[in-house]
């Protein structure tokens, strides 16, 4: 059921990713940013005796390295 106590305004998230791979594609690096504008929003909510909401994740940036063992 729709519950006004659990309603949330709409929101938009801005994510970005940049990838680089070596010429032989044996290794790579990725720079990933999620929720770059640090939007505050409710990820999920439930009304069981009283309303409970879980906030969405804040801004995060990470660097990933990959290596291909199969070649």
PDB file of N, CA and C in Angstrom:
ATOM      1  N   UNK A   1       0.829  -1.186   0.000  1.00  0.00           N
ATOM      2  CA  UNK A   1       0.000   0.000   0.000  1.00  0.00           C
ATOM      3  C   UNK A   1       0.870   1.245   0.000  1.00  0.00           C
ATOM      4  N   UNK A   2       0.410   2.288  -0.640  1.00  0.00           N
ATOM      5  CA  UNK A   2       1.120   3.557  -0.598  1.00  0.00           C
ATOM      6  C   UNK A   2       0.879   4.223   0.745  1.00  0.00           C
ATOM      7  N   UNK A   3       1.914   4.638   1.403  1.00  0.00           N
ATOM      8  CA  UNK A   3       1.837   5.264   2.718  1.00  0.00           C
ATOM      9  C   UNK A   3       2.538   6.614   2.637  1.00  0.00           C
ATOM     10  N   UNK A   4       1.807   7.693   2.905  1.00  0.00           N
ATOM     11  CA  UNK A   4       2.398   9.027   2.800  1.00  0.00           C
ATOM     12  C   UNK A   4       3.558   9.217   3.769  1.00  0.00           C
ATOM     13  N   UNK A   5       3.583   8.513   4.887  1.00  0.00           N
ATOM     14  CA  UNK A   5       4.684   8.634   5.839  1.00  0.00           C
ATOM     15  C   UNK A   5       5.989   8.079   5.246  1.00  0.00           C
ATOM     16  N   UNK A   6       5.861   7.220   4.260  1.00  0.00           N
ATOM     17  CA  UNK A   6       7.038   6.607   3.655  1.00  0.00           C
ATOM     18  C   UNK A   6       7.392   7.221   2.310  1.00  0.00           C
ATOM     19  N   UNK A   7       6.602   8.183   1.847  1.00  0.00           N
ATOM     20  CA  UNK A   7       6.858   8.760   0.530  1.00  0.00           C
ATOM     21  C   UNK A   7       8.120   9.615   0.554  1.00  0.00           C
ATOM     22  N   UNK A   8       8.721   9.750  -0.599  1.00  0.00           N
ATOM     23  CA  UNK A   8       9.970  10.496  -0.736  1.00  0.00           C
ATOM     24  C   UNK A   8       9.895  11.283  -2.034  1.00  0.00           C
ATOM     25  N   UNK A   9      10.491  12.454  -2.056  1.00  0.00           N
ATOM     26  CA  UNK A   9      10.579  13.206  -3.302  1.00  0.00           C
ATOM     27  C   UNK A   9      11.463  12.436  -4.270  1.00  0.00           C
ATOM     28  N   UNK A  10      11.265  12.673  -5.543  1.00  0.00           N
ATOM     29  CA  UNK A  10      12.112  12.025  -6.528  1.00  0.00           C
ATOM     30  C   UNK A  10      13.558  12.491  -6.382  1.00  0.00           C
ATOM     31  N   UNK A  11      14.467  11.687  -6.868  1.00  0.00           N
ATOM     32  CA  UNK A  11      15.876  12.053  -6.799  1.00  0.00           C
ATOM     33  C   UNK A  11      16.609  11.484  -8.012  1.00  0.00           C
ATOM     34  N   UNK A  12      17.736  12.078  -8.318  1.00  0.00           N
ATOM     35  CA  UNK A  12      18.600  11.607  -9.397  1.00  0.00           C
ATOM     36  C   UNK A  12      20.005  11.434  -8.843  1.00  0.00           C
ATOM     37  N   UNK A  13      20.669  10.400  -9.296  1.00  0.00           N
ATOM     38  CA  UNK A  13      22.044  10.146  -8.870  1.00  0.00           C
ATOM     39  C   UNK A  13      22.963  10.315 -10.074  1.00  0.00           C
ATOM     40  N   UNK A  14      24.117  10.924  -9.848  1.00  0.00           N
ATOM     41  CA  UNK A  14      25.110  11.124 -10.899  1.00  0.00           C
ATOM     42  C   UNK A  14      26.290  10.207 -10.607  1.00  0.00           C
ATOM     43  N   UNK A  15      26.496   9.223 -11.486  1.00  0.00           N
ATOM     44  CA  UNK A  15      27.593   8.272 -11.366  1.00  0.00           C
ATOM     45  C   UNK A  15      28.499   8.408 -12.584  1.00  0.00           C
ATOM     46  N   UNK A  16      29.763   8.058 -12.432  1.00  0.00           N
ATOM     47  CA  UNK A  16      30.703   8.122 -13.556  1.00  0.00           C
ATOM     48  C   UNK A  16      31.736   7.000 -13.415  1.00  0.00           C
ATOM     49  N   UNK A  17      32.271   6.573 -14.566  1.00  0.00           N
ATOM     50  CA  UNK A  17      33.285   5.521 -14.575  1.00  0.00           C
ATOM     51  C   UNK A  17      34.235   5.773 -15.738  1.00  0.00           C
ATOM     52  N   UNK A  18      35.528   5.647 -15.464  1.00  0.00           N
ATOM     53  CA  UNK A  18      36.559   5.759 -16.492  1.00  0.00           C
ATOM     54  C   UNK A  18      37.397   4.482 -16.418  1.00  0.00           C
ATOM     55  N   UNK A  19      37.534   3.794 -17.558  1.00  0.00           N
ATOM     56  CA  UNK A  19      38.299   2.545 -17.623  1.00  0.00           C
ATOM     57  C   UNK A  19      39.502   2.720 -18.538  1.00  0.00           C
ATOM     58  N   UNK A  20      40.595   2.035 -18.201  1.00  0.00           N
ATOM     59  CA  UNK A  20      41.772   1.969 -19.052  1.00  0.00           C
ATOM     60  C   UNK A  20      42.267   0.533 -19.027  1.00  0.00           C
ATOM     61  N   UNK A  21      42.607  -0.001 -20.211  1.00  0.00           N
ATOM     62  CA  UNK A  21      43.175  -1.353 -20.317  1.00  0.00           C
ATOM     63  C   UNK A  21      44.486  -1.283 -21.068  1.00  0.00           C
ATOM     64  N   UNK A  22      45.404  -2.170 -20.718  1.00  0.00           N
ATOM     65  CA  UNK A  22      46.684  -2.251 -21.415  1.00  0.00           C
ATOM     66  C   UNK A  22      46.454  -2.734 -22.850  1.00  0.00           C
ATOM     67  N   UNK A  23      47.446  -2.549 -23.706  1.00  0.00           N
ATOM     68  CA  UNK A  23      47.319  -2.934 -25.120  1.00  0.00           C
ATOM     69  C   UNK A  23      46.993  -4.412 -25.286  1.00  0.00           C
ATOM     70  N   UNK A  24      47.575  -5.269 -24.456  1.00  0.00           N
ATOM     71  CA  UNK A  24      47.293  -6.709 -24.547  1.00  0.00           C
ATOM     72  C   UNK A  24      46.115  -7.130 -23.658  1.00  0.00           C
ATOM     73  N   UNK A  25      45.471  -6.164 -23.020  1.00  0.00           N
ATOM     74  CA  UNK A  25      44.300  -6.359 -22.160  1.00  0.00           C
ATOM     75  C   UNK A  25      44.569  -7.317 -20.993  1.00  0.00           C
ATOM     76  N   UNK A  26      45.813  -7.399 -20.547  1.00  0.00           N
ATOM     77  CA  UNK A  26      46.133  -8.274 -19.414  1.00  0.00           C
ATOM     78  C   UNK A  26      45.870  -7.582 -18.076  1.00  0.00           C
ATOM     79  N   UNK A  27      45.856  -6.285 -18.050  1.00  0.00           N
ATOM     80  CA  UNK A  27      45.525  -5.573 -16.811  1.00  0.00           C
ATOM     81  C   UNK A  27      44.828  -4.258 -17.136  1.00  0.00           C
ATOM     82  N   UNK A  28      44.153  -3.713 -16.125  1.00  0.00           N
ATOM     83  CA  UNK A  28      43.405  -2.478 -16.325  1.00  0.00           C
ATOM     84  C   UNK A  28      43.195  -1.735 -15.016  1.00  0.00           C
ATOM     85  N   UNK A  29      42.774  -0.489 -15.135  1.00  0.00           N
ATOM     86  CA  UNK A  29      42.485   0.376 -13.991  1.00  0.00           C
ATOM     87  C   UNK A  29      41.144   1.052 -14.263  1.00  0.00           C
ATOM     88  N   UNK A  30      40.316   1.165 -13.232  1.00  0.00           N
ATOM     89  CA  UNK A  30      39.029   1.853 -13.337  1.00  0.00           C
ATOM     90  C   UNK A  30      38.898   2.844 -12.195  1.00  0.00           C
ATOM     91  N   UNK A  31      38.408   4.035 -12.502  1.00  0.00           N
ATOM     92  CA  UNK A  31      38.062   5.039 -11.504  1.00  0.00           C
ATOM     93  C   UNK A  31      36.552   5.171 -11.532  1.00  0.00           C
ATOM     94  N   UNK A  32      35.903   4.915 -10.382  1.00  0.00           N
ATOM     95  CA  UNK A  32      34.448   4.872 -10.305  1.00  0.00           C
ATOM     96  C   UNK A  32      33.961   5.849  -9.244  1.00  0.00           C
ATOM     97  N   UNK A  33      32.998   6.676  -9.608  1.00  0.00           N
ATOM     98  CA  UNK A  33      32.372   7.590  -8.659  1.00  0.00           C
ATOM     99  C   UNK A  33      30.874   7.354  -8.644  1.00  0.00           C
ATOM    100  N   UNK A  34      30.294   7.250  -7.457  1.00  0.00           N
ATOM    101  CA  UNK A  34      28.850   7.028  -7.311  1.00  0.00           C
ATOM    102  C   UNK A  34      28.261   8.110  -6.426  1.00  0.00           C
ATOM    103  N   UNK A  35      27.062   8.572  -6.787  1.00  0.00           N
ATOM    104  CA  UNK A  35      26.360   9.642  -6.080  1.00  0.00           C
ATOM    105  C   UNK A  35      27.302  10.848  -5.894  1.00  0.00           C
ATOM    106  N   UNK A  36      27.878  11.288  -6.990  1.00  0.00           N
ATOM    107  CA  UNK A  36      28.893  12.335  -6.943  1.00  0.00           C
ATOM    108  C   UNK A  36      28.365  13.673  -6.433  1.00  0.00           C
ATOM    109  N   UNK A  37      27.070  13.912  -6.531  1.00  0.00           N
ATOM    110  CA  UNK A  37      26.499  15.160  -6.001  1.00  0.00           C
ATOM    111  C   UNK A  37      26.103  15.016  -4.537  1.00  0.00           C
ATOM    112  N   UNK A  38      26.358  13.861  -3.945  1.00  0.00           N
ATOM    113  CA  UNK A  38      26.057  13.568  -2.535  1.00  0.00           C
ATOM    114  C   UNK A  38      24.584  13.803  -2.202  1.00  0.00           C
ATOM    115  N   UNK A  39      23.715  13.305  -3.077  1.00  0.00           N
ATOM    116  CA  UNK A  39      22.265  13.429  -2.903  1.00  0.00           C
ATOM    117  C   UNK A  39      21.812  12.628  -1.683  1.00  0.00           C
ATOM    118  N   UNK A  40      20.979  13.244  -0.837  1.00  0.00           N
ATOM    119  CA  UNK A  40      20.400  12.526   0.305  1.00  0.00           C
ATOM    120  C   UNK A  40      19.041  11.979  -0.122  1.00  0.00           C
ATOM    121  N   UNK A  41      18.832  10.681   0.081  1.00  0.00           N
ATOM    122  CA  UNK A  41      17.587  10.036  -0.320  1.00  0.00           C
ATOM    123  C   UNK A  41      17.360   8.804   0.539  1.00  0.00           C
ATOM    124  N   UNK A  42      16.145   8.302   0.497  1.00  0.00           N
ATOM    125  CA  UNK A  42      15.797   7.088   1.232  1.00  0.00           C
ATOM    126  C   UNK A  42      15.882   5.908   0.276  1.00  0.00           C
ATOM    127  N   UNK A  43      16.710   4.942   0.599  1.00  0.00           N
ATOM    128  CA  UNK A  43      16.901   3.774  -0.263  1.00  0.00           C
ATOM    129  C   UNK A  43      15.745   2.793  -0.127  1.00  0.00           C
ATOM    130  N   UNK A  44      15.254   2.593   1.092  1.00  0.00           N
ATOM    131  CA  UNK A  44      14.117   1.703   1.315  1.00  0.00           C
ATOM    132  C   UNK A  44      13.417   2.109   2.606  1.00  0.00           C
ATOM    133  N   UNK A  45      12.149   1.755   2.698  1.00  0.00           N
ATOM    134  CA  UNK A  45      11.372   2.104   3.885  1.00  0.00           C
ATOM    135  C   UNK A  45      10.262   1.080   4.096  1.00  0.00           C
ATOM    136  N   UNK A  46       9.849   0.943   5.347  1.00  0.00           N
ATOM    137  CA  UNK A  46       8.763   0.035   5.706  1.00  0.00           C
ATOM    138  C   UNK A  46       8.016   0.635   6.893  1.00  0.00           C
ATOM    139  N   UNK A  47       6.731   0.377   6.978  1.00  0.00           N
ATOM    140  CA  UNK A  47       5.929   0.834   8.105  1.00  0.00           C
ATOM    141  C   UNK A  47       5.415  -0.391   8.847  1.00  0.00           C
ATOM    142  N   UNK A  48       6.148  -0.808   9.863  1.00  0.00           N
ATOM    143  CA  UNK A  48       5.764  -1.948  10.692  1.00  0.00           C
ATOM    144  C   UNK A  48       5.732  -1.455  12.129  1.00  0.00           C
ATOM    145  N   UNK A  49       4.564  -1.133  12.621  1.00  0.00           N
ATOM    146  CA  UNK A  49       4.316  -0.496  13.908  1.00  0.00           C
ATOM    147  C   UNK A  49       4.691   0.985  13.881  1.00  0.00           C
ATOM    148  N   UNK A  50       5.799   1.342  13.243  1.00  0.00           N
ATOM    149  CA  UNK A  50       6.194   2.736  13.038  1.00  0.00           C
ATOM    150  C   UNK A  50       7.085   2.783  11.787  1.00  0.00           C
ATOM    151  N   UNK A  51       7.133   3.935  11.113  1.00  0.00           N
ATOM    152  CA  UNK A  51       7.917   3.989   9.868  1.00  0.00           C
ATOM    153  C   UNK A  51       9.426   3.921  10.123  1.00  0.00           C
ATOM    154  N   UNK A  52      10.091   3.101   9.324  1.00  0.00           N
ATOM    155  CA  UNK A  52      11.543   2.942   9.394  1.00  0.00           C
ATOM    156  C   UNK A  52      12.088   3.123   7.980  1.00  0.00           C
ATOM    157  N   UNK A  53      13.120   3.937   7.842  1.00  0.00           N
ATOM    158  CA  UNK A  53      13.726   4.155   6.529  1.00  0.00           C
ATOM    159  C   UNK A  53      15.225   3.941   6.575  1.00  0.00           C
ATOM    160  N   UNK A  54      15.761   3.483   5.474  1.00  0.00           N
ATOM    161  CA  UNK A  54      17.207   3.301   5.358  1.00  0.00           C
ATOM    162  C   UNK A  54      17.729   4.347   4.377  1.00  0.00           C
ATOM    163  N   UNK A  55      18.665   5.192   4.819  1.00  0.00           N
ATOM    164  CA  UNK A  55      19.182   6.207   3.906  1.00  0.00           C
ATOM    165  C   UNK A  55      20.023   5.586   2.794  1.00  0.00           C
ATOM    166  N   UNK A  56      20.045   6.269   1.652  1.00  0.00           N
ATOM    167  CA  UNK A  56      20.874   5.821   0.534  1.00  0.00           C
ATOM    168  C   UNK A  56      22.342   6.107   0.807  1.00  0.00           C
ATOM    169  N   UNK A  57      23.188   5.468   0.064  1.00  0.00           N
ATOM    170  CA  UNK A  57      24.633   5.656   0.230  1.00  0.00           C
ATOM    171  C   UNK A  57      25.036   7.053  -0.206  1.00  0.00           C
ATOM    172  N   UNK A  58      25.953   7.636   0.511  1.00  0.00           N
ATOM    173  CA  UNK A  58      26.481   8.947   0.162  1.00  0.00           C
ATOM    174  C   UNK A  58      27.501   8.841  -0.965  1.00  0.00           C
ATOM    175  N   UNK A  59      28.197   9.930  -1.216  1.00  0.00           N
ATOM    176  CA  UNK A  59      29.213   9.966  -2.270  1.00  0.00           C
ATOM    177  C   UNK A  59      30.301   8.933  -2.001  1.00  0.00           C
ATOM    178  N   UNK A  60      30.705   8.237  -3.042  1.00  0.00           N
ATOM    179  CA  UNK A  60      31.827   7.304  -2.918  1.00  0.00           C
ATOM    180  C   UNK A  60      32.652   7.342  -4.203  1.00  0.00           C
ATOM    181  N   UNK A  61      33.951   7.234  -4.028  1.00  0.00           N
ATOM    182  CA  UNK A  61      34.887   7.187  -5.152  1.00  0.00           C
ATOM    183  C   UNK A  61      35.851   6.044  -4.865  1.00  0.00           C
ATOM    184  N   UNK A  62      36.121   5.224  -5.879  1.00  0.00           N
ATOM    185  CA  UNK A  62      37.046   4.111  -5.669  1.00  0.00           C
ATOM    186  C   UNK A  62      37.881   3.879  -6.920  1.00  0.00           C
ATOM    187  N   UNK A  63      38.998   3.244  -6.711  1.00  0.00           N
ATOM    188  CA  UNK A  63      39.915   2.885  -7.780  1.00  0.00           C
ATOM    189  C   UNK A  63      40.027   1.364  -7.781  1.00  0.00           C
ATOM    190  N   UNK A  64      39.802   0.755  -8.936  1.00  0.00           N
ATOM    191  CA  UNK A  64      39.877  -0.701  -9.052  1.00  0.00           C
ATOM    192  C   UNK A  64      40.988  -1.092 -10.017  1.00  0.00           C
ATOM    193  N   UNK A  65      41.726  -2.132  -9.650  1.00  0.00           N
ATOM    194  CA  UNK A  65      42.761  -2.708 -10.508  1.00  0.00           C
ATOM    195  C   UNK A  65      42.315  -4.100 -10.911  1.00  0.00           C
ATOM    196  N   UNK A  66      42.569  -4.476 -12.144  1.00  0.00           N
ATOM    197  CA  UNK A  66      42.216  -5.820 -12.586  1.00  0.00           C
ATOM    198  C   UNK A  66      43.395  -6.437 -13.338  1.00  0.00           C
ATOM    199  N   UNK A  67      43.486  -7.758 -13.231  1.00  0.00           N
ATOM    200  CA  UNK A  67      44.527  -8.507 -13.924  1.00  0.00           C
ATOM    201  C   UNK A  67      43.905  -9.773 -14.492  1.00  0.00           C
ATOM    202  N   UNK A  68      44.198 -10.079 -15.750  1.00  0.00           N
ATOM    203  CA  UNK A  68      43.648 -11.245 -16.426  1.00  0.00           C
ATOM    204  C   UNK A  68      44.644 -12.403 -16.307  1.00  0.00           C
ATOM    205  N   UNK A  69      44.292 -13.438 -15.540  1.00  0.00           N
ATOM    206  CA  UNK A  69      45.165 -14.591 -15.315  1.00  0.00           C
ATOM    207  C   UNK A  69      45.044 -15.650 -16.416  1.00  0.00           C
ATOM    208  N   UNK A  70      44.067 -15.530 -17.297  1.00  0.00           N
ATOM    209  CA  UNK A  70      43.753 -16.587 -18.251  1.00  0.00           C
ATOM    210  C   UNK A  70      44.675 -16.610 -19.468  1.00  0.00           C
ATOM    211  N   UNK A  71      45.370 -15.569 -19.768  1.00  0.00           N
ATOM    212  CA  UNK A  71      46.216 -15.560 -20.984  1.00  0.00           C
ATOM    213  C   UNK A  71      47.594 -16.062 -20.736  1.00  0.00           C
TER     214      UNK A  71
END
